[in-house]
Amino acid sequence: VFAFTVLCLVSVSHSTPLLCEKLVQPLESLAPRHLEGRWALVAGSLNHSQSMDALRLRDSITMYFSNSSDPSTVSYTQINRLGNGCQHLRYNISLDGSSFSFDVGNRFDLNGSLHYTSCPDCLVMRWVVKSSKRHSVDLYLLSRRREVDLREMEEFRAQ
């Protein structure tokens, strides 16, 4: 807790304590319609080194969310571009407010939440991945754009 508090104070020293609290709290709710469409992965922070190495190998990652007839379920497609090839991954996501869980066929547990961002066309996703070989907490910044401005990136770094 102390290290996290110091990080918040140093990273966003120009921000109010309220903003620091907002940066680490999940959103209270999110309309599934807001998720719908194409999102570019702009930045990621992972605490599992092998997964971070794998993330760095990708040229780009695009994520598509589409709503279903069930308002608590969203279809998720992730396209990883590696050199001249593409990898398509499709999953169903169960939504519960700003929390979600991926249906990955009992291979591992992948749950997460959406977090505050002042960026109007961004999402901040926190993933918790658990398996017999891996336990990690990942934070991703997605945007409708391929790049965000410096202020938006600094806010993500503070998170």
Protein backbone atom coordinates (compact mmCIF):
# COMPACT_ATOMS: atom_id res chain seq x y z
CA VAL A 1 0.00 0.00 0.00
CA PHE A 2 2.83 2.41 0.87
CA ALA A 3 4.65 1.82 -2.45
CA PHE A 4 1.41 2.28 -4.37
CA THR A 5 0.64 5.51 -2.52
CA VAL A 6 4.10 6.88 -3.25
CA LEU A 7 3.72 5.91 -6.92
CA CYS A 8 0.41 7.79 -7.11
CA LEU A 9 1.91 10.85 -5.47
CA VAL A 10 4.98 10.90 -7.68
CA SER A 11 3.21 9.99 -10.93
CA VAL A 12 0.37 12.43 -10.59
CA SER A 13 1.75 15.00 -8.21
CA HIS A 14 -0.19 17.65 -10.08
CA SER A 15 -3.46 15.74 -9.54
CA THR A 16 -5.76 15.80 -6.58
CA PRO A 17 -6.00 12.79 -4.27
CA LEU A 18 -9.53 12.25 -5.57
CA LEU A 19 -8.19 11.72 -9.09
CA CYS A 20 -5.66 9.18 -7.80
CA GLU A 21 -8.49 7.27 -6.11
CA LYS A 22 -10.55 7.36 -9.31
CA LEU A 23 -7.65 5.93 -11.33
CA VAL A 24 -7.56 2.70 -9.35
CA GLN A 25 -11.26 2.10 -8.82
CA PRO A 26 -13.41 0.10 -11.24
CA LEU A 27 -16.17 1.98 -12.99
CA GLU A 28 -19.52 1.66 -11.26
CA SER A 29 -21.20 0.67 -14.50
CA LEU A 30 -20.80 0.76 -18.24
CA ALA A 31 -23.41 0.60 -20.96
CA PRO A 32 -22.57 -2.39 -23.21
CA ARG A 33 -23.23 -0.13 -26.22
CA HIS A 34 -20.14 1.88 -25.23
CA LEU A 35 -17.97 -1.21 -25.76
CA GLU A 36 -19.33 -1.96 -29.21
CA GLY A 37 -16.96 -1.56 -32.14
CA ARG A 38 -13.24 -1.51 -32.85
CA TRP A 39 -10.57 -0.69 -30.28
CA ALA A 40 -6.79 -0.49 -30.71
CA LEU A 41 -4.51 -1.68 -27.93
CA VAL A 42 -2.36 1.38 -27.23
CA ALA A 43 -0.47 0.30 -24.10
CA GLY A 44 -0.24 -2.58 -21.67
CA SER A 45 1.29 -3.23 -18.28
CA LEU A 46 1.66 -6.87 -17.24
CA ASN A 47 3.26 -8.34 -14.14
CA HIS A 48 3.99 -11.69 -15.84
CA SER A 49 7.28 -11.39 -17.75
CA GLN A 50 6.63 -14.18 -20.29
CA SER A 51 3.27 -12.64 -21.20
CA MET A 52 4.86 -9.20 -21.53
CA ASP A 53 7.50 -10.67 -23.85
CA ALA A 54 4.76 -12.25 -25.98
CA LEU A 55 2.87 -8.94 -26.08
CA ARG A 56 5.97 -7.13 -27.35
CA LEU A 57 6.24 -9.54 -30.31
CA ARG A 58 2.94 -8.34 -31.76
CA ASP A 59 2.97 -5.52 -34.30
CA SER A 60 -0.53 -4.46 -33.25
CA ILE A 61 -3.63 -5.71 -31.52
CA THR A 62 -7.16 -4.77 -32.48
CA MET A 63 -10.16 -5.74 -30.38
CA TYR A 64 -13.77 -5.87 -31.54
CA PHE A 65 -16.75 -5.97 -29.19
CA SER A 66 -20.23 -6.74 -30.48
CA ASN A 67 -23.40 -6.90 -28.45
CA SER A 68 -25.67 -9.90 -28.43
CA SER A 69 -29.37 -10.25 -27.78
CA ASP A 70 -28.45 -10.96 -24.13
CA PRO A 71 -27.45 -7.63 -22.51
CA SER A 72 -25.14 -9.43 -20.08
CA THR A 73 -23.04 -11.03 -22.85
CA VAL A 74 -20.68 -9.47 -25.39
CA SER A 75 -18.77 -11.11 -28.22
CA TYR A 76 -15.03 -10.32 -28.18
CA THR A 77 -12.62 -10.80 -31.07
CA GLN A 78 -8.93 -10.02 -30.74
CA ILE A 79 -6.74 -9.77 -33.83
CA ASN A 80 -3.01 -10.04 -33.19
CA ARG A 81 -0.80 -8.92 -36.06
CA LEU A 82 2.60 -10.59 -36.17
CA GLY A 83 4.71 -9.85 -39.24
CA ASN A 84 2.70 -10.92 -42.29
CA GLY A 85 0.22 -13.00 -40.30
CA CYS A 86 -2.84 -12.48 -38.16
CA GLN A 87 -4.18 -14.48 -35.25
CA HIS A 88 -7.94 -14.24 -34.57
CA LEU A 89 -9.17 -15.10 -31.07
CA ARG A 90 -12.92 -15.14 -30.37
CA TYR A 91 -14.52 -15.31 -26.94
CA ASN A 92 -17.79 -14.56 -25.22
CA ILE A 93 -17.63 -12.18 -22.29
CA SER A 94 -20.14 -12.11 -19.45
CA LEU A 95 -20.74 -8.60 -18.12
CA ASP A 96 -21.75 -7.61 -14.62
CA GLY A 97 -21.66 -3.82 -14.34
CA SER A 98 -18.06 -2.86 -15.08
CA SER A 99 -16.77 -6.38 -14.28
CA PHE A 100 -16.48 -9.14 -16.83
CA SER A 101 -15.32 -12.71 -17.30
CA PHE A 102 -14.10 -14.44 -20.44
CA ASP A 103 -15.34 -17.86 -21.47
CA VAL A 104 -12.04 -19.54 -22.36
CA GLY A 105 -13.26 -23.12 -22.16
CA ASN A 106 -11.98 -23.92 -18.65
CA ARG A 107 -8.33 -23.50 -19.75
CA PHE A 108 -7.81 -20.75 -17.15
CA ASP A 109 -9.74 -18.03 -15.33
CA LEU A 110 -9.81 -14.60 -16.95
CA ASN A 111 -11.79 -11.96 -15.10
CA GLY A 112 -11.52 -8.24 -15.19
CA SER A 113 -12.95 -4.82 -14.76
CA LEU A 114 -13.13 -1.52 -16.56
CA HIS A 115 -11.51 1.47 -14.88
CA TYR A 116 -11.81 5.22 -14.98
CA THR A 117 -10.11 7.24 -17.70
CA SER A 118 -10.60 10.87 -18.63
CA CYS A 119 -9.83 10.00 -22.26
CA PRO A 120 -13.19 10.29 -24.06
CA ASP A 121 -12.53 7.50 -26.60
CA CYS A 122 -10.52 5.12 -24.41
CA LEU A 123 -11.08 2.10 -22.19
CA VAL A 124 -8.85 0.93 -19.37
CA MET A 125 -9.21 -2.79 -18.77
CA ARG A 126 -7.78 -4.70 -15.82
CA TRP A 127 -7.44 -8.44 -16.38
CA VAL A 128 -6.76 -11.01 -13.68
CA VAL A 129 -5.48 -14.23 -15.23
CA LYS A 130 -5.19 -17.40 -13.13
CA SER A 131 -4.05 -20.85 -14.16
CA SER A 132 -1.80 -23.57 -12.79
CA LYS A 133 1.16 -21.91 -14.60
CA ARG A 134 0.28 -18.25 -14.41
CA HIS A 135 -1.16 -15.65 -12.11
CA SER A 136 -1.03 -12.13 -13.41
CA VAL A 137 -2.72 -8.79 -13.24
CA ASP A 138 -2.70 -6.92 -16.54
CA LEU A 139 -3.75 -3.37 -17.30
CA TYR A 140 -4.54 -2.35 -20.88
CA LEU A 141 -5.27 1.00 -22.49
CA LEU A 142 -7.55 0.75 -25.52
CA SER A 143 -8.58 3.61 -27.76
CA ARG A 144 -10.62 4.20 -30.87
CA ARG A 145 -7.42 5.84 -32.14
CA ARG A 146 -4.05 4.12 -32.69
CA GLU A 147 -2.29 6.69 -30.50
CA VAL A 148 -3.27 8.81 -27.51
CA ASP A 149 -1.85 12.15 -26.45
CA LEU A 150 0.83 12.54 -23.80
CA ARG A 151 -1.62 13.56 -21.06
CA GLU A 152 -3.74 10.44 -21.65
CA MET A 153 -0.66 8.22 -21.62
CA GLU A 154 0.58 9.80 -18.38
CA GLU A 155 -2.79 9.13 -16.77
CA PHE A 156 -2.51 5.46 -17.81
CA ARG A 157 1.03 5.26 -16.40
CA ALA A 158 -0.28 6.62 -13.11
CA GLN A 159 -2.81 3.79 -13.04
